[in-house]
Protein backbone atom coordinates (compact mmCIF):
# COMPACT_ATOMS: atom_id res chain seq x y z
CA MET A 1 277.78 117.86 130.43
CA ASP A 2 275.89 114.60 131.01
CA SER A 3 273.02 114.27 128.88
CA ARG A 4 272.02 110.76 128.92
CA ARG A 5 269.02 111.31 127.06
CA LEU A 6 267.55 113.28 129.97
CA LEU A 7 264.36 114.15 128.25
CA ARG A 8 262.81 116.22 131.33
CA THR A 9 260.33 118.84 130.90
CA SER A 10 261.32 122.25 131.96
CA ALA A 11 257.72 122.65 133.71
CA ILE A 12 258.62 119.98 136.35
CA ALA A 13 261.83 122.07 137.36
CA ALA A 14 259.85 125.39 137.25
CA ALA A 15 256.87 124.18 139.18
CA THR A 16 258.80 122.50 142.02
CA ALA A 17 261.22 125.33 142.71
CA GLY A 18 260.81 126.31 146.19
CA LEU A 19 257.87 124.18 146.88
CA LEU A 20 257.74 121.51 149.58
CA ILE A 21 256.46 118.17 147.93
CA SER A 22 254.94 115.83 150.67
CA GLY A 23 255.69 112.17 150.64
CA CYS A 24 252.79 110.05 149.67
CA SER A 25 254.09 106.52 149.59
CA SER A 26 252.56 105.30 152.89
CA GLY A 27 249.15 104.33 152.00
CA SER A 28 247.91 100.88 151.86
CA SER A 29 246.18 98.66 149.41
CA SER A 30 244.40 95.30 149.57
CA THR A 31 243.78 92.66 147.00
CA SER A 32 240.99 90.36 146.05
CA ALA A 33 241.05 86.97 143.77
CA THR A 34 238.30 87.95 141.64
CA ALA A 35 239.20 88.64 138.02
CA SER A 36 238.26 92.13 136.66
CA PRO A 37 236.18 92.34 133.47
CA HIS A 38 238.37 94.86 132.29
CA ALA A 39 241.68 93.09 132.53
CA ALA A 40 240.64 90.20 130.40
CA THR A 41 242.81 90.35 127.27
CA LYS A 42 246.44 89.39 126.74
CA ALA A 43 248.54 92.27 125.55
CA GLY A 44 252.05 92.74 124.40
CA PRO A 45 254.72 90.16 123.70
CA PRO A 46 254.08 86.39 123.88
CA ASP A 47 255.39 86.04 127.31
CA ALA A 48 252.96 88.92 128.59
CA PRO A 49 250.91 87.79 131.72
CA THR A 50 247.27 86.59 131.52
CA ALA A 51 244.54 88.47 133.09
CA GLU A 52 244.11 85.66 135.53
CA ALA A 53 247.64 85.68 136.77
CA LEU A 54 247.20 89.45 137.16
CA ALA A 55 243.70 89.40 138.93
CA PRO A 56 245.00 90.11 142.41
CA TYR A 57 246.57 93.25 141.16
CA TYR A 58 243.66 94.43 138.96
CA THR A 59 241.11 93.97 141.76
CA GLN A 60 242.95 95.48 144.56
CA LYS A 61 241.41 98.53 146.44
CA LEU A 62 243.34 101.56 147.24
CA SER A 63 243.34 103.05 150.59
CA TRP A 64 243.28 106.89 150.18
CA ARG A 65 244.35 109.28 152.89
CA ALA A 66 245.48 112.95 153.27
CA CYS A 67 249.19 113.39 152.46
CA GLY A 68 250.14 117.10 153.47
CA VAL A 69 248.91 118.96 150.54
CA ALA A 70 245.40 120.35 150.75
CA LYS A 71 242.70 118.52 148.76
CA PHE A 72 245.19 115.85 147.55
CA GLU A 73 245.06 112.19 148.54
CA CYS A 74 247.67 109.62 148.47
CA ALA A 75 247.79 105.91 148.42
CA THR A 76 250.13 102.92 147.70
CA MET A 77 249.27 100.45 144.61
CA LYS A 78 250.96 97.14 144.29
CA ALA A 79 252.24 95.89 140.89
CA PRO A 80 254.23 92.70 140.09
CA LEU A 81 258.18 93.31 140.49
CA ASP A 82 258.36 90.93 137.47
CA TYR A 83 255.49 90.62 135.05
CA ALA A 84 256.84 87.42 133.84
CA LYS A 85 256.34 86.03 137.42
CA PRO A 86 253.25 87.76 138.69
CA ALA A 87 252.82 85.36 141.50
CA GLY A 88 256.44 86.46 142.90
CA PRO A 89 257.36 89.52 144.71
CA SER A 90 255.41 92.81 144.34
CA ILE A 91 256.64 96.41 144.55
CA ASP A 92 254.87 99.40 146.00
CA LEU A 93 253.96 102.29 143.72
CA ALA A 94 253.14 105.79 145.07
CA VAL A 95 249.89 107.29 143.57
CA ALA A 96 248.28 110.67 144.29
CA ARG A 97 245.13 112.46 143.01
CA VAL A 98 243.07 115.46 143.34
CA LYS A 99 239.33 114.95 142.61
CA ALA A 100 237.42 116.96 139.86
CA THR A 101 236.21 120.34 140.90
CA GLY A 102 233.20 120.63 138.94
CA PRO A 103 231.06 122.29 137.51
CA GLY A 104 230.35 119.61 134.62
CA LYS A 105 230.02 116.00 134.21
CA ARG A 106 233.10 114.05 135.39
CA ILE A 107 234.93 112.51 132.41
CA GLY A 108 237.26 110.27 134.36
CA SER A 109 240.73 110.23 135.60
CA LEU A 110 243.49 112.12 133.89
CA LEU A 111 246.88 110.62 134.53
CA VAL A 112 249.95 112.78 134.09
CA ASN A 113 253.79 112.28 133.63
CA PRO A 114 256.32 115.06 133.44
CA GLY A 115 258.95 113.09 131.56
CA GLY A 116 262.52 112.21 132.60
CA PRO A 117 262.69 109.33 132.60
CA GLY A 118 263.07 109.84 136.27
CA GLY A 119 260.62 112.75 137.03
CA SER A 120 258.35 112.50 139.89
CA ALA A 121 254.83 112.32 138.67
CA VAL A 122 253.44 112.80 142.09
CA GLY A 123 255.59 115.85 142.61
CA TYR A 124 254.51 117.13 139.26
CA LEU A 125 250.72 116.62 140.09
CA GLN A 126 250.98 118.28 143.52
CA SER A 127 253.03 121.29 142.62
CA TYR A 128 251.86 121.88 139.11
CA ALA A 129 249.23 119.86 137.16
CA GLY A 130 246.82 119.38 140.05
CA ILE A 131 246.71 123.24 140.64
CA GLY A 132 247.75 124.74 137.40
CA TYR A 133 246.21 122.79 134.46
CA PRO A 134 243.43 124.77 133.01
CA ALA A 135 240.50 124.96 135.31
CA PRO A 136 237.94 123.68 132.70
CA VAL A 137 240.13 120.38 132.49
CA ARG A 138 240.54 120.15 136.41
CA ALA A 139 236.66 120.69 136.69
CA ARG A 140 235.87 117.46 134.66
CA TYR A 141 238.81 115.03 135.48
CA ASP A 142 240.18 113.74 138.78
CA MET A 143 243.95 114.60 138.22
CA VAL A 144 245.92 111.53 139.00
CA ALA A 145 249.72 110.65 139.17
CA VAL A 146 251.74 107.55 139.73
CA ASP A 147 255.56 107.66 140.32
CA PRO A 148 256.90 105.28 137.78
CA ARG A 149 258.74 101.97 139.29
CA GLY A 150 262.29 103.18 140.24
CA VAL A 151 261.35 106.70 140.47
CA ALA A 152 261.14 108.98 143.62
CA ARG A 153 258.35 107.33 145.79
CA SER A 154 258.12 103.99 143.89
CA ALA A 155 260.94 101.73 144.81
CA PRO A 156 263.48 104.37 143.75
CA VAL A 157 266.68 103.27 142.18
CA GLU A 158 269.67 104.53 144.21
CA CYS A 159 273.31 104.58 142.96
CA LEU A 160 275.86 107.15 144.71
CA SER A 161 276.06 109.35 147.64
CA GLY A 162 275.68 112.99 147.45
CA LYS A 163 279.47 113.52 147.64
CA GLU A 164 280.02 110.71 145.19
CA MET A 165 277.58 112.43 142.76
CA ASP A 166 279.31 115.79 143.28
CA ALA A 167 282.46 114.07 142.02
CA TYR A 168 280.64 112.26 138.99
CA THR A 169 279.01 115.53 137.82
CA GLU A 170 282.50 117.23 137.66
CA VAL A 171 284.24 114.67 135.61
CA ASP A 172 285.59 115.80 132.42
CA GLN A 173 283.28 114.83 129.63
CA THR A 174 285.23 116.24 126.80
CA PRO A 175 288.31 114.11 127.11
CA ASP A 176 291.55 115.40 125.61
CA ASP A 177 293.96 112.21 125.94
CA ALA A 178 293.59 108.65 126.68
CA ALA A 179 294.05 109.16 130.44
CA GLU A 180 291.09 111.58 130.46
CA GLN A 181 289.13 109.05 128.45
CA ALA A 182 289.90 106.20 131.05
CA ALA A 183 288.88 108.62 133.84
CA LEU A 184 285.52 109.11 132.00
CA ALA A 185 284.89 105.41 131.46
CA LYS A 186 285.88 104.74 135.02
CA ALA A 187 283.18 107.16 136.24
CA PHE A 188 280.51 105.55 134.20
CA LYS A 189 281.64 102.18 135.46
CA ASP A 190 281.60 103.28 139.22
CA PHE A 191 278.21 104.84 138.53
CA ALA A 192 276.71 101.53 137.21
CA ASN A 193 278.39 99.45 139.86
CA GLY A 194 276.81 101.76 142.59
CA CYS A 195 273.51 101.20 140.95
CA GLU A 196 273.98 97.42 141.10
CA ALA A 197 275.16 97.44 144.63
CA LYS A 198 272.29 99.50 145.97
CA SER A 199 269.44 98.53 143.51
CA GLY A 200 270.31 95.39 142.07
CA LYS A 201 266.77 94.00 142.69
CA ILE A 202 264.85 96.63 140.99
CA LEU A 203 267.19 97.24 138.11
CA PRO A 204 265.97 94.58 135.68
CA HIS A 205 262.32 95.67 136.05
CA VAL A 206 262.21 99.43 135.28
CA SER A 207 261.51 99.44 131.59
CA THR A 208 258.89 101.51 129.99
CA VAL A 209 256.87 98.41 129.08
CA GLU A 210 256.59 97.49 132.81
CA ALA A 211 255.77 101.17 133.66
CA ALA A 212 252.87 101.08 131.14
CA ARG A 213 251.51 97.80 132.33
CA ASP A 214 251.56 99.33 135.96
CA MET A 215 249.39 102.22 134.32
CA ASP A 216 246.72 99.85 133.27
CA ILE A 217 246.55 98.33 136.57
CA LEU A 218 245.98 101.90 137.91
CA ARG A 219 243.45 102.61 135.38
CA GLU A 220 241.36 99.56 136.46
CA VAL A 221 241.61 100.19 140.15
CA LEU A 222 240.48 103.86 139.52
CA GLY A 223 237.40 102.38 137.88
CA ASP A 224 238.02 103.89 134.43
CA GLN A 225 237.09 102.10 131.24
CA LYS A 226 239.77 104.01 129.13
CA LEU A 227 243.19 105.66 130.16
CA HIS A 228 243.11 109.42 129.52
CA TYR A 229 246.73 110.94 129.78
CA VAL A 230 249.00 113.77 129.35
CA GLY A 231 252.47 112.83 128.91
CA ALA A 232 255.30 115.23 128.27
CA SER A 233 258.86 114.48 126.79
CA TYR A 234 259.79 110.85 127.90
CA GLY A 235 256.18 110.65 129.00
CA THR A 236 255.15 110.63 125.46
CA PHE A 237 257.12 107.27 124.98
CA LEU A 238 255.47 105.88 128.04
CA GLY A 239 252.03 106.92 126.76
CA ALA A 240 252.61 105.51 123.10
CA THR A 241 253.89 102.27 124.66
CA TYR A 242 250.64 101.96 126.64
CA ALA A 243 248.59 102.58 123.55
CA GLU A 244 250.73 99.86 121.88
CA LEU A 245 250.04 97.31 124.67
CA PHE A 246 246.45 98.45 125.23
CA PRO A 247 245.06 99.99 122.16
CA ALA A 248 241.25 99.04 123.12
CA ARG A 249 241.86 100.84 126.50
CA THR A 250 243.39 103.84 125.18
CA GLY A 251 241.35 107.18 125.55
CA ARG A 252 242.33 110.73 125.14
CA LEU A 253 246.22 110.68 125.00
CA VAL A 254 248.23 114.06 124.72
CA LEU A 255 251.85 113.37 123.93
CA ASP A 256 253.65 116.64 124.24
CA GLY A 257 257.40 116.89 123.22
CA ALA A 258 257.36 113.56 121.50
CA MET A 259 259.94 111.04 121.35
CA ASP A 260 260.44 108.70 118.21
CA PRO A 261 260.45 105.25 119.41
CA SER A 262 261.89 104.04 116.12
CA LEU A 263 265.31 105.30 116.82
CA SER A 264 268.40 103.62 118.14
CA SER A 265 270.16 105.17 121.17
CA LEU A 266 273.01 106.51 118.94
CA ASP A 267 270.56 108.34 116.51
CA MET A 268 268.59 109.67 119.37
CA ASN A 269 271.74 110.98 121.09
CA ARG A 270 272.81 112.61 117.92
CA ASP A 271 269.45 114.14 117.18
CA GLN A 272 269.24 115.68 120.53
CA THR A 273 272.71 117.00 120.04
CA ALA A 274 271.46 118.87 117.04
CA GLY A 275 268.25 119.86 119.01
CA PHE A 276 270.20 121.54 121.64
CA GLU A 277 272.49 123.32 119.11
CA THR A 278 269.13 124.70 117.43
CA ALA A 279 267.94 125.92 120.84
CA PHE A 280 271.49 127.59 121.60
CA GLN A 281 271.40 129.30 118.24
CA SER A 282 268.02 130.70 119.05
CA PHE A 283 269.23 131.86 122.42
CA ALA A 284 272.42 133.38 120.88
CA ALA A 285 270.43 135.29 118.21
CA ASP A 286 268.30 136.88 120.94
CA CYS A 287 271.48 137.53 123.13
CA VAL A 288 273.50 139.47 120.60
CA LYS A 289 270.78 141.75 120.15
CA ARG A 290 271.18 142.97 123.74
CA LYS A 291 274.00 145.36 124.96
CA GLU A 292 274.53 143.27 128.03
CA CYS A 293 275.19 140.05 126.21
CA PRO A 294 278.20 138.13 127.57
CA LEU A 295 278.65 136.49 124.15
CA GLY A 296 279.14 139.79 122.45
CA THR A 297 276.91 141.73 120.12
CA ASP A 298 278.20 140.64 116.74
CA SER A 299 276.42 137.37 115.51
CA PRO A 300 275.31 134.01 116.80
CA ALA A 301 278.24 132.49 115.16
CA ASP A 302 280.62 134.84 117.20
CA ALA A 303 278.62 134.01 120.34
CA SER A 304 279.10 130.46 119.84
CA ASP A 305 282.98 130.87 119.31
CA ARG A 306 282.91 132.96 122.76
CA LEU A 307 281.07 130.18 124.49
CA ARG A 308 283.44 127.48 123.19
CA ARG A 309 286.37 129.49 124.30
CA PHE A 310 285.02 130.02 127.68
CA PHE A 311 284.36 126.16 128.15
CA LYS A 312 287.88 125.44 127.19
CA ALA A 313 289.13 128.22 129.82
CA VAL A 314 287.21 126.65 132.76
CA ASP A 315 288.35 123.06 131.60
CA ALA A 316 291.88 124.28 131.98
CA LYS A 317 291.35 126.35 135.07
CA PRO A 318 287.91 125.83 137.09
CA ILE A 319 286.59 129.02 138.78
CA PRO A 320 285.43 129.52 142.13
CA THR A 321 281.67 129.42 143.14
CA GLY A 322 281.62 130.65 146.59
CA GLN A 323 281.48 127.17 148.01
CA SER A 324 284.05 124.05 148.00
CA ARG A 325 282.97 123.14 144.54
CA ARG A 326 284.63 124.85 141.60
CA LEU A 327 283.19 125.33 138.13
CA GLY A 328 284.77 123.32 135.48
CA GLU A 329 283.59 122.55 131.83
CA ALA A 330 281.42 119.79 132.64
CA LEU A 331 279.33 121.69 135.15
CA ALA A 332 279.26 125.01 133.12
CA THR A 333 278.05 123.12 130.05
CA THR A 334 275.37 121.47 132.20
CA GLY A 335 274.35 124.96 133.47
CA VAL A 336 273.95 126.25 129.87
CA ILE A 337 271.96 123.16 128.73
CA ALA A 338 269.66 123.62 131.74
CA ALA A 339 268.44 127.06 130.43
CA MET A 340 267.76 125.80 127.10
CA TYR A 341 264.79 124.09 128.21
CA ASP A 342 262.66 127.19 128.66
CA GLN A 343 263.42 130.61 127.18
CA ALA A 344 262.13 132.15 130.40
CA ALA A 345 265.54 130.85 131.74
CA TRP A 346 267.59 133.11 129.11
CA PRO A 347 267.97 136.08 131.31
CA GLU A 348 269.16 133.90 134.19
CA LEU A 349 271.65 132.45 131.87
CA ARG A 350 272.91 135.76 130.64
CA THR A 351 273.58 136.83 134.08
CA ALA A 352 275.16 133.57 135.02
CA LEU A 353 277.37 133.69 132.02
CA SER A 354 278.36 137.33 132.65
CA ARG A 355 279.41 136.35 136.22
CA ALA A 356 281.42 133.40 135.20
CA MET A 357 283.32 135.16 132.50
CA ASN A 358 284.36 137.66 135.28
CA GLY A 359 285.38 134.72 137.62
CA ASP A 360 282.27 133.93 139.53
CA GLY A 361 280.78 130.54 138.77
CA ALA A 362 277.86 130.54 141.21
CA GLY A 363 275.15 131.20 138.79
CA LEU A 364 276.01 128.45 136.28
CA LEU A 365 276.56 126.10 139.07
CA ALA A 366 273.06 126.87 140.38
CA LEU A 367 271.62 126.09 136.95
CA ALA A 368 273.51 122.89 136.98
CA ASP A 369 272.34 121.88 140.33
CA SER A 370 268.69 122.51 139.40
CA TYR A 371 269.20 120.27 136.21
CA TYR A 372 270.58 117.33 138.40
CA GLU A 373 267.85 118.13 141.32
CA ARG A 374 270.66 118.67 143.76
CA ASP A 375 269.52 120.61 147.07
CA ALA A 376 271.58 123.05 149.09
CA SER A 377 272.55 120.31 151.63
CA GLY A 378 274.39 118.30 148.74
CA LYS A 379 271.62 115.79 148.57
CA TYR A 380 270.39 114.64 145.10
CA ALA A 381 266.94 113.29 144.06
CA ASN A 382 267.01 110.00 142.49
CA LEU A 383 266.37 111.55 138.94
CA MET A 384 269.76 110.81 137.41
CA PHE A 385 269.81 107.30 138.82
CA ALA A 386 266.23 106.44 137.65
CA ASN A 387 267.09 108.06 134.23
CA ALA A 388 270.06 106.02 133.58
CA ALA A 389 268.29 102.82 134.67
CA VAL A 390 265.25 103.20 132.26
CA ASN A 391 267.19 104.31 129.51
CA CYS A 392 269.76 101.62 129.63
CA LEU A 393 267.02 99.03 129.97
CA ASP A 394 264.85 100.63 127.08
CA LEU A 395 267.43 100.49 124.34
CA PRO A 396 270.91 98.71 123.60
CA PRO A 397 273.82 101.22 124.33
CA SER A 398 275.05 103.68 121.79
CA PHE A 399 278.58 102.53 121.82
CA SER A 400 280.73 99.50 122.91
CA GLY A 401 283.70 101.50 124.24
CA PRO A 402 285.77 104.77 123.85
CA ALA A 403 286.99 103.89 120.13
CA ASP A 404 283.35 103.95 118.94
CA VAL A 405 282.94 107.36 120.53
CA THR A 406 286.05 108.63 118.88
CA ALA A 407 284.90 107.25 115.46
CA ALA A 408 281.39 108.98 115.95
CA LEU A 409 282.77 112.41 117.13
CA PRO A 410 282.82 114.19 113.63
CA SER A 411 279.08 113.53 113.23
CA PHE A 412 278.23 114.71 116.63
CA GLU A 413 280.46 118.01 116.02
CA GLN A 414 278.57 118.47 112.92
CA ALA A 415 275.59 118.24 114.80
CA SER A 416 276.62 120.89 117.41
CA PRO A 417 279.99 122.64 117.35
CA VAL A 418 279.10 123.66 120.93
CA PHE A 419 277.94 120.76 122.46
CA GLY A 420 278.90 117.79 120.12
CA ASP A 421 281.90 116.40 122.19
CA GLY A 422 280.09 116.24 125.41
CA PHE A 423 276.99 114.58 123.99
CA ALA A 424 279.02 112.05 122.09
CA TRP A 425 281.07 111.03 125.27
CA SER A 426 277.78 110.89 127.35
CA GLY A 427 276.72 108.12 125.12
CA LEU A 428 279.11 105.76 127.08
CA ASN A 429 276.94 105.89 130.03
CA CYS A 430 274.96 102.61 129.21
CA THR A 431 278.04 100.87 127.86
CA TYR A 432 278.80 99.29 131.28
CA TRP A 433 275.39 98.88 132.60
CA PRO A 434 274.98 95.63 134.68
CA VAL A 435 271.63 94.77 133.03
CA LYS A 436 271.15 93.99 129.39
CA ALA A 437 268.75 96.07 127.52
CA THR A 438 265.34 94.49 126.92
CA GLY A 439 263.92 96.94 124.56
CA THR A 440 264.64 97.70 120.91
CA PRO A 441 264.00 100.51 118.57
CA HIS A 442 260.64 99.97 116.86
CA ARG A 443 257.72 101.68 115.34
CA ILE A 444 254.64 102.15 117.55
CA GLU A 445 251.33 102.04 115.42
CA ALA A 446 248.84 101.10 118.20
CA ARG A 447 246.07 100.18 115.75
CA GLY A 448 242.73 100.22 117.11
CA ALA A 449 243.43 103.15 119.55
CA ALA A 450 241.18 106.19 119.73
CA PRO A 451 242.73 109.36 118.34
CA ILE A 452 245.91 110.51 119.89
CA LEU A 453 247.41 113.96 119.84
CA VAL A 454 250.93 114.50 119.25
CA VAL A 455 252.54 117.77 120.16
CA GLY A 456 255.77 119.11 118.78
CA THR A 457 257.81 122.39 119.14
CA THR A 458 259.70 123.60 116.24
CA ARG A 459 262.87 124.59 118.14
CA ASP A 460 262.57 121.94 121.13
CA PRO A 461 266.08 121.29 122.33
CA ALA A 462 265.45 117.75 123.95
CA THR A 463 262.96 116.34 121.70
CA PRO A 464 263.34 117.76 118.28
CA TYR A 465 260.53 118.35 116.29
CA LYS A 466 261.05 115.75 113.75
CA TRP A 467 260.47 113.16 116.34
CA ALA A 468 257.06 114.47 116.81
CA GLU A 469 256.49 114.36 113.15
CA SER A 470 257.62 110.81 113.07
CA LEU A 471 255.54 109.59 115.85
CA ALA A 472 252.45 111.20 114.75
CA ALA A 473 252.95 109.36 111.21
CA GLN A 474 253.69 106.03 112.97
CA LEU A 475 250.56 105.91 115.21
CA SER A 476 247.46 104.78 113.13
CA SER A 477 245.30 107.41 114.77
CA GLY A 478 247.89 110.10 115.45
CA THR A 479 247.37 113.70 114.83
CA LEU A 480 250.25 116.25 114.85
CA LEU A 481 249.87 119.70 116.50
CA THR A 482 252.67 122.12 115.94
CA TYR A 483 253.97 124.82 118.23
CA GLU A 484 256.28 127.28 116.32
CA GLY A 485 258.65 128.38 119.08
CA ASP A 486 261.39 127.79 121.53
CA GLY A 487 261.46 125.53 124.51
CA HIS A 488 260.73 121.99 125.40
CA THR A 489 257.12 120.96 125.32
CA ALA A 490 254.09 123.34 124.44
CA TYR A 491 251.07 122.81 126.71
CA GLY A 492 250.67 125.35 129.22
CA ARG A 493 253.68 127.62 128.10
CA GLY A 494 251.77 130.66 126.93
CA SER A 495 250.44 129.71 123.73
CA ASP A 496 246.40 130.14 123.80
CA CYS A 497 246.35 128.35 120.39
CA ILE A 498 248.11 125.36 121.61
CA ASP A 499 246.13 125.27 125.14
CA THR A 500 242.75 125.89 123.41
CA ALA A 501 243.37 122.88 120.93
CA ILE A 502 244.54 120.58 123.74
CA ASN A 503 242.04 121.47 126.14
CA THR A 504 239.23 120.82 123.35
CA TYR A 505 240.57 117.41 122.90
CA LEU A 506 240.75 116.45 126.54
CA LEU A 507 237.15 117.86 127.07
CA ASP A 508 235.41 116.73 123.96
CA GLY A 509 237.61 114.09 122.46
CA ALA A 510 237.91 115.94 119.07
CA PRO A 511 241.65 116.42 117.96
CA PRO A 512 242.47 119.61 116.01
CA VAL A 513 242.32 119.75 112.31
CA LYS A 514 245.34 117.96 110.66
CA LYS A 515 248.54 120.09 110.25
CA LYS A 516 247.35 122.59 112.80
CA ARG A 517 250.10 125.03 113.71
CA CYS A 518 250.28 127.55 116.48
CA SER A 519 252.54 130.29 117.60
């Protein structure tokens, strides 16, 4: 299993399944040299660019056009490749929108991001948010998305071919000896080298800080005084970073499935390991109550033991899948992990495990392929490439080499007897990255920002609930909204209590009462 702090939402996977998402990066933009009144302050670190230097970007005009999905418009926005050199080369960012439907007075634009990092915001908008968000919200906001730099239609990071990715996803991530450790390290090195060879120009410039600065340019060219935003999973870190850089321009921010920016990469990986263990125990407790449970009907502990034995069996002897690829431990574990994001996937997981335990790995392979965004032709979306590129730039690596992983294994195994080894070894992915990290763990307070709504789910696998508690406490204007339940993120997942609280905040600007809990 290859976690890589992949904090994607289940909503994006569910929303895009079976739907054709049109490309929207061929619009055009023009620029002007007149400074914008809304871009007049210097934000962020000492080397942040001035408003004057960025004026051509803040005053550009987007050329909107139809883009293959009814009522949606697309355009291309320009941003500096390097914010330290705003007069240097630019990059093109794909933007999409669907205008407010009415009735009611238009509030402004509502920018959405589904997480990842690496999830396509444009795809999410066209297949879910722009048509599936509550009607009262879509009535009063233009729904807008921009693919972050390095992602999908916005100067995408590329690393490996489809066949190379197939081999990469099959590498044993629970090495049993020095030779297997060396093979895993080589796989990470080859991945990093592929990214450098194919995307060396963009790799140093896909940080979350730069993506947040891009969002402020978009806010201005859309004509909004404040940025209104719904971010899920990694999108919460992107939104919190925006609030840190531009507190005076922060409007209504919903941060659903929150990350904790104060954590190191190692602590984040270990917390997420525990989060997936919590989610699996919830699945196991449900499964053993059912007579068809492939993990037995005795207890969750017995179910865990059966799953571990299954993983060891397919590690020793991969099973057929009905195609050229066989299901080994790495892909089997990824398939199980994929189903932890949403309890709606639990029936599919039970069926897939039943088939796999009878020698047919097709179901678990399908779940793993959905996680990696691999299509039937063997082509991968750039999700995993962008995910590594952003994560490895945002935080220093968890480990300096295999010896560090070996030393940390007991703490990961304690966090999750089922997934601990795989999550620990996946922390090597940034060790060999060709670009040094530019970000560091730090608290985000965003003093001066309007009220910000942080949403946490108590049994969230990918963003543990305590992260939401921590971010809400860090933000000077943060309010925590709790969903007592399973799955990753809470908005639009069936809780009327959660949806009503978030809708009220987006429409009226009033956050829920402190410590509000929903089920």
